[in-house]
Amino acid sequence: MSFVHLHLHTDYSLLDGACRLDNVIEKCKKAKMPAVAVTDHSNMFCAVDFYRAALKNGIRPIIGYE
């Protein structure tokens, strides 16, 4: 059974993010997650970096916004 995180704020989130994007991808890869979502507050600054990093590591990126 696989897990997909659908609510995650990165350090790009202006209000409450703490997760560095490279650490997120590394942890997801290690956990063999097939996909992961990023739902930063008030912006989509990490969308392109996240999309490229996820695909490069075999993870399906889900881009969200809160």
C-alpha atoms as a PDB file:
ATOM      1  CA  MET A   1       0.000   0.000   0.000  1.00  0.00           C
ATOM      2  CA  SER A   2       1.435   3.397  -0.944  1.00  0.00           C
ATOM      3  CA  PHE A   3       0.939   6.798   0.639  1.00  0.00           C
ATOM      4  CA  VAL A   4       0.644  10.125  -1.159  1.00  0.00           C
ATOM      5  CA  HIS A   5       1.015  13.326   0.847  1.00  0.00           C
ATOM      6  CA  LEU A   6      -1.577  15.821  -0.424  1.00  0.00           C
ATOM      7  CA  HIS A   7      -1.055  18.785   1.931  1.00  0.00           C
ATOM      8  CA  LEU A   8       2.504  20.023   2.245  1.00  0.00           C
ATOM      9  CA  HIS A   9       4.036  23.460   2.695  1.00  0.00           C
ATOM     10  CA  THR A  10       7.603  24.060   1.544  1.00  0.00           C
ATOM     11  CA  ASP A  11       9.976  26.822   2.547  1.00  0.00           C
ATOM     12  CA  TYR A  12       8.580  28.765  -0.415  1.00  0.00           C
ATOM     13  CA  SER A  13       5.352  29.200   1.578  1.00  0.00           C
ATOM     14  CA  LEU A  14       5.321  32.720   2.950  1.00  0.00           C
ATOM     15  CA  LEU A  15       3.225  32.015   6.046  1.00  0.00           C
ATOM     16  CA  ASP A  16       4.171  28.642   7.471  1.00  0.00           C
ATOM     17  CA  GLY A  17       6.546  26.611   5.333  1.00  0.00           C
ATOM     18  CA  ALA A  18       9.543  24.856   6.771  1.00  0.00           C
ATOM     19  CA  CYS A  19      10.262  21.896   4.473  1.00  0.00           C
ATOM     20  CA  ARG A  20      13.091  22.391   2.006  1.00  0.00           C
ATOM     21  CA  LEU A  21      12.103  21.194  -1.443  1.00  0.00           C
ATOM     22  CA  ASP A  22      15.200  19.021  -1.911  1.00  0.00           C
ATOM     23  CA  ASN A  23      14.538  17.320   1.447  1.00  0.00           C
ATOM     24  CA  VAL A  24      10.910  16.691   0.519  1.00  0.00           C
ATOM     25  CA  ILE A  25      11.884  14.968  -2.726  1.00  0.00           C
ATOM     26  CA  GLU A  26      14.605  12.946  -0.984  1.00  0.00           C
ATOM     27  CA  LYS A  27      12.213  11.718   1.743  1.00  0.00           C
ATOM     28  CA  CYS A  28       9.501  10.853  -0.791  1.00  0.00           C
ATOM     29  CA  LYS A  29      11.969   8.907  -2.898  1.00  0.00           C
ATOM     30  CA  LYS A  30      13.257   7.042   0.146  1.00  0.00           C
ATOM     31  CA  ALA A  31       9.667   6.208   1.193  1.00  0.00           C
ATOM     32  CA  LYS A  32       8.878   5.071  -2.384  1.00  0.00           C
ATOM     33  CA  MET A  33       5.963   7.456  -2.666  1.00  0.00           C
ATOM     34  CA  PRO A  34       4.487   7.404  -6.191  1.00  0.00           C
ATOM     35  CA  ALA A  35       3.401  11.063  -5.967  1.00  0.00           C
ATOM     36  CA  VAL A  36       3.429  14.071  -3.668  1.00  0.00           C
ATOM     37  CA  ALA A  37       1.557  17.372  -3.574  1.00  0.00           C
ATOM     38  CA  VAL A  38       2.861  20.807  -2.657  1.00  0.00           C
ATOM     39  CA  THR A  39       0.205  23.254  -1.447  1.00  0.00           C
ATOM     40  CA  ASP A  40       2.042  26.389  -0.366  1.00  0.00           C
ATOM     41  CA  HIS A  41       0.216  29.374   1.093  1.00  0.00           C
ATOM     42  CA  SER A  42      -0.365  32.466  -1.031  1.00  0.00           C
ATOM     43  CA  ASN A  43       2.028  31.648  -3.877  1.00  0.00           C
ATOM     44  CA  MET A  44       3.203  29.091  -6.392  1.00  0.00           C
ATOM     45  CA  PHE A  45       6.873  30.068  -6.410  1.00  0.00           C
ATOM     46  CA  CYS A  46       8.123  26.480  -6.104  1.00  0.00           C
ATOM     47  CA  ALA A  47       5.903  25.015  -8.846  1.00  0.00           C
ATOM     48  CA  VAL A  48       8.525  24.752 -11.608  1.00  0.00           C
ATOM     49  CA  ASP A  49      11.365  23.638  -9.313  1.00  0.00           C
ATOM     50  CA  PHE A  50       9.089  21.107  -7.611  1.00  0.00           C
ATOM     51  CA  TYR A  51       7.745  19.746 -10.906  1.00  0.00           C
ATOM     52  CA  ARG A  52      11.212  19.241 -12.374  1.00  0.00           C
ATOM     53  CA  ALA A  53      12.711  17.725  -9.208  1.00  0.00           C
ATOM     54  CA  ALA A  54       9.823  15.319  -8.708  1.00  0.00           C
ATOM     55  CA  LEU A  55       9.856  14.062 -12.295  1.00  0.00           C
ATOM     56  CA  LYS A  56      13.644  13.712 -12.239  1.00  0.00           C
ATOM     57  CA  ASN A  57      13.283  11.403  -9.230  1.00  0.00           C
ATOM     58  CA  GLY A  58      10.390   9.329 -10.576  1.00  0.00           C
ATOM     59  CA  ILE A  59       7.727  10.970  -8.412  1.00  0.00           C
ATOM     60  CA  ARG A  60       4.474  12.298  -9.861  1.00  0.00           C
ATOM     61  CA  PRO A  61       4.158  15.982  -8.879  1.00  0.00           C
ATOM     62  CA  ILE A  62       0.804  17.361  -7.781  1.00  0.00           C
ATOM     63  CA  ILE A  63       0.778  21.157  -7.696  1.00  0.00           C
ATOM     64  CA  GLY A  64      -1.715  22.852  -5.427  1.00  0.00           C
ATOM     65  CA  TYR A  65      -2.309  26.187  -3.772  1.00  0.00           C
ATOM     66  CA  GLU A  66      -3.782  27.264  -0.471  1.00  0.00           C
END
